[in-house]
Amino acid sequence: MAMQVNGNYNDTRTDYAEGVKEKQAVWRAEKAKEAEKAAEGKNSGKLSEPQDEYISSEKSGKKPTGLYRVGQDENGNRKIFFDDPKADHANEEEKLKAEKDRSGEGGDRKEPKISGNSQGKPAEKCVANTDKVDREIKKLKEKKQHLEQQIRSASGDEKKIRELEKKLAQVENELSQKDNDTYRRQNASVSK
């Protein structure tokens, strides 16, 4: 059975696309009308929404938290300065305290100075001694020098040189682990 279709497919595709575009345009217009109606309904019964506005510190009655001002630096160039009222307040407190101390109003009693913990026990003094660690590191360095000297003197025997180089590598590895502040602190002897 053979089937044959007559007609032009291009015409139907463009007709469909144009129809979809028209439907979308109508739909958009309806949505815009609905949005306008909703906006009118909101504005008719309500007051306008509050908006941010500048209120100067003089009108508000509150003291500003900080002031910026334009001034000149020591070279005559324009510069912005910040006057921190908290710093001024701290300076005023220090001046009052100094005046009380001078006049004697603050009293002659001095608060006890406590060094140690909050229970009033005096702080313990501990001494760390690293002499033992330093001697150990010194011995390793001497051993390293001795092995290097033996390697230089045993120039003909390859087997002996390999053994000495292996020992030297072990000593250098041990030195790199021990010759530092962390190792000294960990192995220091502590006395009270």
Protein backbone atom coordinates (compact mmCIF):
# COMPACT_ATOMS: atom_id res chain seq x y z
CA MET A 1 0.00 0.00 0.00
CA ALA A 2 1.44 3.34 -0.96
CA MET A 3 0.52 6.61 0.61
CA GLN A 4 1.00 10.00 -0.81
CA VAL A 5 0.50 13.31 0.99
CA ASN A 6 -0.22 16.41 -0.96
CA GLY A 7 0.38 19.90 0.36
CA ASN A 8 3.03 22.31 1.48
CA TYR A 9 4.40 21.75 4.98
CA ASN A 10 6.18 25.09 5.24
CA ASP A 11 2.88 26.99 5.21
CA THR A 12 1.49 25.06 8.19
CA ARG A 13 4.63 25.57 10.26
CA THR A 14 4.65 29.35 9.82
CA ASP A 15 0.89 29.56 10.45
CA TYR A 16 1.29 27.68 13.73
CA ALA A 17 4.23 29.84 14.86
CA GLU A 18 2.33 33.02 14.10
CA GLY A 19 -0.69 31.72 16.00
CA VAL A 20 1.42 30.97 19.08
CA LYS A 21 2.95 34.45 18.98
CA GLU A 22 -0.50 36.03 18.79
CA LYS A 23 -1.76 33.98 21.76
CA GLN A 24 1.29 34.99 23.81
CA ALA A 25 0.74 38.66 23.00
CA VAL A 26 -2.92 38.45 24.09
CA TRP A 27 -1.93 36.63 27.29
CA ARG A 28 0.69 39.30 28.13
CA ALA A 29 -1.85 42.10 27.57
CA GLU A 30 -4.31 40.40 29.94
CA LYS A 31 -1.65 40.00 32.62
CA ALA A 32 -0.71 43.69 32.33
CA LYS A 33 -4.36 44.73 32.77
CA GLU A 34 -4.68 42.50 35.86
CA ALA A 35 -1.53 44.01 37.34
CA GLU A 36 -2.84 47.55 36.79
CA LYS A 37 -6.14 46.70 38.48
CA ALA A 38 -4.31 45.16 41.46
CA ALA A 39 -2.10 48.24 41.80
CA GLU A 40 -5.09 50.57 41.73
CA GLY A 41 -6.83 48.49 44.39
CA LYS A 42 -3.85 48.67 46.72
CA ASN A 43 -3.36 52.41 46.37
CA SER A 44 -7.01 53.35 46.78
CA GLY A 45 -7.52 52.06 50.33
CA LYS A 46 -4.04 52.30 51.88
CA LEU A 47 -1.57 54.98 52.79
CA SER A 48 1.63 55.15 50.86
CA GLU A 49 4.39 52.78 51.97
CA PRO A 50 7.00 54.28 54.31
CA GLN A 51 10.14 55.40 52.57
CA ASP A 52 13.60 56.18 53.85
CA GLU A 53 14.28 59.83 54.39
CA TYR A 54 17.13 61.86 55.79
CA ILE A 55 16.56 63.37 59.20
CA SER A 56 19.31 65.65 60.44
CA SER A 57 20.69 65.11 63.93
CA GLU A 58 19.40 68.54 64.96
CA LYS A 59 15.80 67.62 64.07
CA SER A 60 15.95 64.13 65.58
CA GLY A 61 17.34 65.35 68.89
CA LYS A 62 19.77 62.44 69.09
CA LYS A 63 23.49 62.89 69.43
CA PRO A 64 25.31 61.63 66.33
CA THR A 65 27.44 58.51 66.69
CA GLY A 66 30.34 59.99 64.78
CA LEU A 67 31.12 63.05 62.77
CA TYR A 68 33.05 63.37 59.59
CA ARG A 69 34.48 66.70 58.62
CA VAL A 70 36.68 68.02 55.88
CA GLY A 71 39.85 69.71 57.01
CA GLN A 72 43.45 70.26 56.07
CA ASP A 73 46.38 68.11 57.08
CA GLU A 74 49.85 69.40 58.02
CA ASN A 75 50.76 69.83 54.32
CA GLY A 76 47.65 71.86 53.52
CA ASN A 77 45.97 69.05 51.58
CA ARG A 78 42.27 68.37 52.02
CA LYS A 79 41.55 65.42 54.29
CA ILE A 80 38.47 63.84 55.86
CA PHE A 81 38.60 63.62 59.66
CA PHE A 82 36.42 61.46 61.90
CA ASP A 83 35.55 62.78 65.34
CA ASP A 84 34.65 59.75 67.43
CA PRO A 85 32.40 60.73 70.32
CA LYS A 86 33.24 57.49 72.15
CA ALA A 87 36.91 58.45 72.18
CA ASP A 88 35.99 61.88 73.53
CA HIS A 89 33.90 60.21 76.24
CA ALA A 90 36.81 57.94 77.21
CA ASN A 91 39.14 60.95 77.37
CA GLU A 92 36.69 62.74 79.66
CA GLU A 93 36.58 59.73 82.01
CA GLU A 94 40.38 59.60 82.13
CA LYS A 95 40.52 63.33 82.94
CA LEU A 96 37.99 62.90 85.77
CA LYS A 97 39.91 59.96 87.19
CA ALA A 98 43.18 61.91 87.04
CA GLU A 99 41.54 64.87 88.83
CA LYS A 100 40.21 62.57 91.57
CA ASP A 101 43.65 61.07 92.05
CA ARG A 102 45.24 64.52 92.31
CA SER A 103 42.63 65.86 94.71
CA GLY A 104 42.63 62.74 96.88
CA GLU A 105 38.97 61.92 96.31
CA GLY A 106 39.90 58.56 94.89
CA GLY A 107 41.27 57.53 98.31
CA ASP A 108 44.67 56.38 99.31
CA ARG A 109 43.87 52.69 99.22
CA LYS A 110 45.38 50.78 96.36
CA GLU A 111 43.94 47.62 94.97
CA PRO A 112 46.14 44.62 95.65
CA LYS A 113 48.05 43.35 92.68
CA ILE A 114 47.60 39.62 92.42
CA SER A 115 49.86 37.58 90.23
CA GLY A 116 48.68 34.04 89.82
CA ASN A 117 45.26 32.51 89.60
CA SER A 118 41.92 33.90 90.74
CA GLN A 119 42.14 32.18 94.15
CA GLY A 120 45.02 34.41 95.23
CA LYS A 121 47.73 31.76 95.07
CA PRO A 122 51.05 33.12 93.85
CA ALA A 123 52.21 32.16 90.40
CA GLU A 124 54.67 29.29 90.21
CA LYS A 125 57.99 29.86 88.54
CA CYS A 126 59.32 27.06 86.41
CA VAL A 127 62.73 26.78 84.77
CA ALA A 128 63.31 24.74 81.64
CA ASN A 129 66.79 23.32 81.16
CA THR A 130 67.83 22.20 77.64
CA ASP A 131 71.44 21.30 78.46
CA LYS A 132 70.84 17.56 78.03
CA VAL A 133 69.26 18.07 74.60
CA ASP A 134 72.04 20.44 73.56
CA ARG A 135 74.69 17.86 74.53
CA GLU A 136 72.85 15.19 72.53
CA ILE A 137 72.76 17.44 69.44
CA LYS A 138 76.44 18.31 69.89
CA LYS A 139 77.35 14.59 69.95
CA LEU A 140 75.35 13.99 66.77
CA LYS A 141 77.15 16.85 65.00
CA GLU A 142 80.54 15.46 66.08
CA LYS A 143 79.52 12.01 64.85
CA LYS A 144 78.51 13.52 61.51
CA GLN A 145 81.91 15.23 61.14
CA HIS A 146 83.71 11.99 62.06
CA LEU A 147 81.73 9.99 59.44
CA GLU A 148 82.44 12.60 56.76
CA GLN A 149 86.14 12.39 57.59
CA GLN A 150 86.08 8.58 57.36
CA ILE A 151 84.35 8.76 53.95
CA ARG A 152 87.08 11.08 52.66
CA SER A 153 89.84 8.83 53.96
CA ALA A 154 88.33 5.56 52.62
CA SER A 155 88.53 6.57 48.97
CA GLY A 156 89.42 3.12 47.57
CA ASP A 157 86.89 0.78 49.27
CA GLU A 158 83.42 1.22 47.68
CA LYS A 159 81.67 -1.14 50.12
CA LYS A 160 82.98 0.71 53.17
CA ILE A 161 82.03 4.08 51.61
CA ARG A 162 78.43 2.90 51.08
CA GLU A 163 78.19 1.76 54.72
CA LEU A 164 79.57 5.04 55.98
CA GLU A 165 77.24 7.04 53.72
CA LYS A 166 74.27 5.02 55.05
CA LYS A 167 75.32 5.79 58.65
CA LEU A 168 75.86 9.45 57.73
CA ALA A 169 72.34 9.66 56.25
CA GLN A 170 70.89 8.22 59.49
CA VAL A 171 72.81 10.74 61.61
CA GLU A 172 71.73 13.65 59.38
CA ASN A 173 68.10 12.49 59.59
CA GLU A 174 68.29 12.30 63.40
CA LEU A 175 69.91 15.75 63.52
CA SER A 176 67.19 17.29 61.36
CA GLN A 177 64.56 15.89 63.76
CA LYS A 178 66.30 16.98 66.96
CA ASP A 179 68.05 20.25 66.09
CA ASN A 180 65.01 22.53 66.41
CA ASP A 181 63.20 24.51 69.10
CA THR A 182 60.19 22.19 69.23
CA TYR A 183 62.31 19.18 70.13
CA ARG A 184 64.22 21.24 72.71
CA ARG A 185 60.98 22.36 74.40
CA GLN A 186 59.50 18.86 74.42
CA ASN A 187 62.60 17.26 75.94
CA ALA A 188 63.70 20.01 78.29
CA SER A 189 63.88 19.18 81.98
CA VAL A 190 61.51 21.41 83.95
CA SER A 191 62.17 22.34 87.58
CA LYS A 192 60.18 24.52 89.98
